[in-house]
N, C-alpha and C. Protein backbone atom coordinates (compact mmCIF):
# COMPACT_ATOMS: atom_id res chain seq x y z
N MET A 1 -3.56 43.21 -9.90
CA MET A 1 -3.48 41.88 -10.46
C MET A 1 -2.38 41.12 -9.73
N PRO A 2 -2.68 39.88 -9.26
CA PRO A 2 -1.67 39.12 -8.54
C PRO A 2 -0.52 38.71 -9.45
N ILE A 3 0.64 38.58 -8.85
CA ILE A 3 1.83 38.19 -9.61
C ILE A 3 1.80 36.69 -9.91
N ASN A 4 1.28 35.91 -8.97
CA ASN A 4 1.21 34.47 -9.22
C ASN A 4 -0.25 34.04 -9.33
N ASN A 5 -0.48 32.79 -9.64
CA ASN A 5 -1.84 32.29 -9.82
C ASN A 5 -2.43 31.74 -8.54
N ASN A 6 -1.81 31.99 -7.41
CA ASN A 6 -2.30 31.48 -6.14
C ASN A 6 -3.43 32.37 -5.66
N SER A 7 -4.64 31.87 -5.70
CA SER A 7 -5.80 32.67 -5.33
C SER A 7 -6.32 32.31 -3.94
N GLU A 8 -5.56 31.53 -3.16
CA GLU A 8 -5.99 31.14 -1.82
C GLU A 8 -5.82 32.30 -0.86
N SER A 9 -6.78 32.41 0.03
CA SER A 9 -6.67 33.43 1.07
C SER A 9 -5.75 32.93 2.17
N GLY A 10 -5.39 33.80 3.07
CA GLY A 10 -4.55 33.41 4.20
C GLY A 10 -5.22 32.38 5.07
N VAL A 11 -6.54 32.51 5.25
CA VAL A 11 -7.28 31.55 6.07
C VAL A 11 -7.28 30.18 5.41
N SER A 12 -7.53 30.15 4.13
CA SER A 12 -7.54 28.89 3.39
C SER A 12 -6.18 28.20 3.45
N SER A 13 -5.13 28.97 3.29
CA SER A 13 -3.78 28.41 3.38
C SER A 13 -3.50 27.88 4.77
N GLY A 14 -3.96 28.61 5.79
CA GLY A 14 -3.76 28.16 7.17
C GLY A 14 -4.50 26.89 7.48
N VAL A 15 -5.73 26.78 6.97
CA VAL A 15 -6.52 25.57 7.19
C VAL A 15 -5.85 24.38 6.51
N LYS A 16 -5.36 24.58 5.30
CA LYS A 16 -4.68 23.49 4.60
C LYS A 16 -3.42 23.06 5.34
N PHE A 17 -2.69 24.02 5.89
CA PHE A 17 -1.47 23.69 6.65
C PHE A 17 -1.82 22.84 7.86
N VAL A 18 -2.83 23.26 8.62
CA VAL A 18 -3.23 22.52 9.83
C VAL A 18 -3.74 21.14 9.46
N THR A 19 -4.58 21.08 8.43
CA THR A 19 -5.12 19.79 7.99
C THR A 19 -4.01 18.85 7.55
N SER A 20 -3.06 19.37 6.80
CA SER A 20 -1.94 18.56 6.35
C SER A 20 -1.10 18.08 7.52
N THR A 21 -0.85 18.97 8.46
CA THR A 21 -0.04 18.61 9.63
C THR A 21 -0.73 17.53 10.45
N VAL A 22 -2.02 17.70 10.69
CA VAL A 22 -2.77 16.70 11.46
C VAL A 22 -2.81 15.38 10.69
N GLY A 23 -3.05 15.43 9.39
CA GLY A 23 -3.08 14.20 8.58
C GLY A 23 -1.76 13.48 8.61
N ASN A 24 -0.67 14.21 8.47
CA ASN A 24 0.65 13.58 8.50
C ASN A 24 0.96 12.99 9.87
N THR A 25 0.56 13.69 10.92
CA THR A 25 0.81 13.19 12.28
C THR A 25 0.02 11.92 12.55
N VAL A 26 -1.27 11.95 12.26
CA VAL A 26 -2.11 10.77 12.48
C VAL A 26 -1.65 9.62 11.60
N GLY A 27 -1.33 9.91 10.35
CA GLY A 27 -0.84 8.86 9.46
C GLY A 27 0.45 8.24 9.96
N GLY A 28 1.35 9.07 10.46
CA GLY A 28 2.61 8.56 11.01
C GLY A 28 2.38 7.69 12.23
N LEU A 29 1.47 8.12 13.10
CA LEU A 29 1.16 7.32 14.29
C LEU A 29 0.54 5.98 13.91
N LEU A 30 -0.35 5.99 12.93
CA LEU A 30 -0.96 4.73 12.48
C LEU A 30 0.09 3.80 11.89
N ASN A 31 1.03 4.34 11.13
CA ASN A 31 2.11 3.52 10.59
C ASN A 31 2.93 2.90 11.72
N THR A 32 3.21 3.69 12.74
CA THR A 32 3.99 3.18 13.88
C THR A 32 3.25 2.07 14.60
N VAL A 33 1.98 2.31 14.91
CA VAL A 33 1.19 1.29 15.61
C VAL A 33 1.08 0.03 14.77
N GLY A 34 0.81 0.18 13.50
CA GLY A 34 0.70 -0.98 12.62
C GLY A 34 2.01 -1.76 12.55
N GLY A 35 3.11 -1.05 12.47
CA GLY A 35 4.42 -1.71 12.43
C GLY A 35 4.72 -2.47 13.70
N VAL A 36 4.38 -1.87 14.84
CA VAL A 36 4.62 -2.54 16.13
C VAL A 36 3.75 -3.78 16.26
N VAL A 37 2.47 -3.66 15.92
CA VAL A 37 1.56 -4.80 16.00
C VAL A 37 2.02 -5.91 15.05
N GLY A 38 2.40 -5.53 13.84
CA GLY A 38 2.85 -6.53 12.87
C GLY A 38 4.09 -7.26 13.33
N ALA A 39 5.08 -6.52 13.80
CA ALA A 39 6.33 -7.14 14.25
C ALA A 39 6.10 -8.01 15.48
N ALA A 40 5.31 -7.50 16.43
CA ALA A 40 5.05 -8.27 17.65
C ALA A 40 4.29 -9.56 17.33
N GLY A 41 3.31 -9.46 16.47
CA GLY A 41 2.53 -10.64 16.10
C GLY A 41 3.37 -11.69 15.39
N ARG A 42 4.23 -11.23 14.50
CA ARG A 42 5.11 -12.20 13.82
C ARG A 42 6.07 -12.83 14.81
N GLY A 43 6.54 -12.04 15.77
CA GLY A 43 7.43 -12.59 16.80
C GLY A 43 6.73 -13.62 17.65
N VAL A 44 5.50 -13.35 18.05
CA VAL A 44 4.72 -14.31 18.83
C VAL A 44 4.48 -15.57 18.00
N GLY A 45 4.16 -15.41 16.73
CA GLY A 45 3.95 -16.57 15.87
C GLY A 45 5.19 -17.43 15.75
N GLU A 46 6.35 -16.79 15.57
CA GLU A 46 7.61 -17.56 15.50
C GLU A 46 7.90 -18.26 16.82
N THR A 47 7.63 -17.59 17.92
CA THR A 47 7.86 -18.21 19.23
C THR A 47 6.95 -19.41 19.43
N LEU A 48 5.67 -19.26 19.07
CA LEU A 48 4.74 -20.38 19.19
C LEU A 48 5.18 -21.57 18.34
N GLU A 49 5.58 -21.27 17.12
CA GLU A 49 6.00 -22.35 16.23
C GLU A 49 7.26 -23.01 16.76
N GLY A 50 8.19 -22.22 17.25
CA GLY A 50 9.42 -22.79 17.80
C GLY A 50 9.17 -23.63 19.04
N ALA A 51 8.22 -23.22 19.87
CA ALA A 51 7.95 -23.93 21.11
C ALA A 51 7.10 -25.18 20.90
N THR A 52 6.22 -25.15 19.91
CA THR A 52 5.29 -26.27 19.73
C THR A 52 5.63 -27.15 18.54
N GLY A 53 6.51 -26.68 17.69
CA GLY A 53 6.87 -27.47 16.51
C GLY A 53 5.74 -27.52 15.50
N SER A 54 5.67 -28.62 14.80
CA SER A 54 4.68 -28.72 13.73
C SER A 54 3.24 -28.76 14.25
N ALA A 55 3.05 -29.17 15.50
CA ALA A 55 1.70 -29.24 16.06
C ALA A 55 1.08 -27.83 16.16
N GLY A 56 1.88 -26.85 16.52
CA GLY A 56 1.35 -25.50 16.69
C GLY A 56 1.52 -24.60 15.48
N ARG A 57 2.09 -25.14 14.42
CA ARG A 57 2.38 -24.33 13.23
C ARG A 57 1.15 -23.62 12.66
N PRO A 58 0.00 -24.28 12.51
CA PRO A 58 -1.16 -23.57 11.94
C PRO A 58 -1.59 -22.37 12.79
N VAL A 59 -1.60 -22.53 14.10
CA VAL A 59 -1.99 -21.42 14.98
C VAL A 59 -0.94 -20.32 14.91
N ALA A 60 0.32 -20.71 14.93
CA ALA A 60 1.41 -19.73 14.90
C ALA A 60 1.37 -18.92 13.60
N ARG A 61 1.15 -19.58 12.50
CA ARG A 61 1.08 -18.86 11.23
C ARG A 61 -0.17 -17.99 11.15
N GLY A 62 -1.25 -18.46 11.76
CA GLY A 62 -2.46 -17.65 11.80
C GLY A 62 -2.24 -16.36 12.58
N VAL A 63 -1.54 -16.45 13.71
CA VAL A 63 -1.24 -15.26 14.50
C VAL A 63 -0.36 -14.31 13.69
N ALA A 64 0.67 -14.86 13.07
CA ALA A 64 1.58 -14.03 12.27
C ALA A 64 0.86 -13.39 11.08
N ASP A 65 0.02 -14.15 10.42
CA ASP A 65 -0.71 -13.61 9.27
C ASP A 65 -1.71 -12.53 9.69
N ALA A 66 -2.37 -12.73 10.82
CA ALA A 66 -3.32 -11.73 11.31
C ALA A 66 -2.59 -10.42 11.64
N ALA A 67 -1.43 -10.54 12.29
CA ALA A 67 -0.65 -9.36 12.63
C ALA A 67 -0.17 -8.63 11.38
N THR A 68 0.23 -9.37 10.38
CA THR A 68 0.65 -8.76 9.13
C THR A 68 -0.53 -8.07 8.46
N GLY A 69 -1.71 -8.67 8.55
CA GLY A 69 -2.91 -8.04 8.00
C GLY A 69 -3.24 -6.73 8.70
N VAL A 70 -3.06 -6.70 10.02
CA VAL A 70 -3.29 -5.45 10.76
C VAL A 70 -2.29 -4.40 10.30
N GLN A 71 -1.05 -4.79 10.14
CA GLN A 71 -0.01 -3.86 9.69
C GLN A 71 -0.34 -3.31 8.30
N ASP A 72 -0.71 -4.17 7.40
CA ASP A 72 -1.07 -3.72 6.04
C ASP A 72 -2.29 -2.80 6.05
N GLY A 73 -3.29 -3.18 6.84
CA GLY A 73 -4.51 -2.37 6.91
C GLY A 73 -4.26 -0.99 7.48
N THR A 74 -3.48 -0.92 8.56
CA THR A 74 -3.20 0.39 9.14
C THR A 74 -2.33 1.21 8.21
N GLY A 75 -1.48 0.56 7.44
CA GLY A 75 -0.67 1.28 6.45
C GLY A 75 -1.54 1.93 5.38
N ARG A 76 -2.56 1.21 4.93
CA ARG A 76 -3.47 1.76 3.92
C ARG A 76 -4.29 2.91 4.49
N ILE A 77 -4.75 2.74 5.72
CA ILE A 77 -5.51 3.81 6.37
C ILE A 77 -4.63 5.04 6.55
N ALA A 78 -3.41 4.82 7.00
CA ALA A 78 -2.48 5.94 7.21
C ALA A 78 -2.23 6.69 5.91
N ARG A 79 -2.05 5.96 4.83
CA ARG A 79 -1.84 6.59 3.53
C ARG A 79 -3.05 7.43 3.14
N GLY A 80 -4.25 6.89 3.39
CA GLY A 80 -5.47 7.63 3.08
C GLY A 80 -5.62 8.89 3.91
N VAL A 81 -5.26 8.79 5.19
CA VAL A 81 -5.33 9.97 6.07
C VAL A 81 -4.35 11.04 5.60
N LYS A 82 -3.15 10.62 5.28
CA LYS A 82 -2.14 11.59 4.78
C LYS A 82 -2.61 12.24 3.48
N ASP A 83 -3.13 11.43 2.57
CA ASP A 83 -3.61 11.97 1.30
C ASP A 83 -4.77 12.94 1.52
N ALA A 84 -5.68 12.59 2.41
CA ALA A 84 -6.82 13.47 2.70
C ALA A 84 -6.33 14.78 3.29
N GLY A 85 -5.33 14.72 4.14
CA GLY A 85 -4.78 15.94 4.72
C GLY A 85 -4.13 16.84 3.70
N GLN A 86 -3.68 16.24 2.62
CA GLN A 86 -3.03 17.02 1.56
C GLN A 86 -4.01 17.38 0.44
N GLY A 87 -5.27 17.05 0.64
CA GLY A 87 -6.29 17.39 -0.35
C GLY A 87 -6.29 16.51 -1.58
N LYS A 88 -5.76 15.32 -1.49
CA LYS A 88 -5.71 14.40 -2.65
C LYS A 88 -6.96 13.55 -2.70
């Protein structure tokens, strides 16, 4: 009779470890890419607005908003990948 309630085999535990590691790695990379795209896009938007003034403001804000949307979207995907890797 086992001492603990862990009924997973060694293979099952190994697969979960690899899946979790891959999920965390991919999720971390997606967070990084999303953060870079978001920051760069907001920077480009601020530069456009600064260079063009009120005439370019709608385009500049559109660029910044799109970049923020990419950042948010990749963050959600990354969270889902990490959760899937952990069996959630």
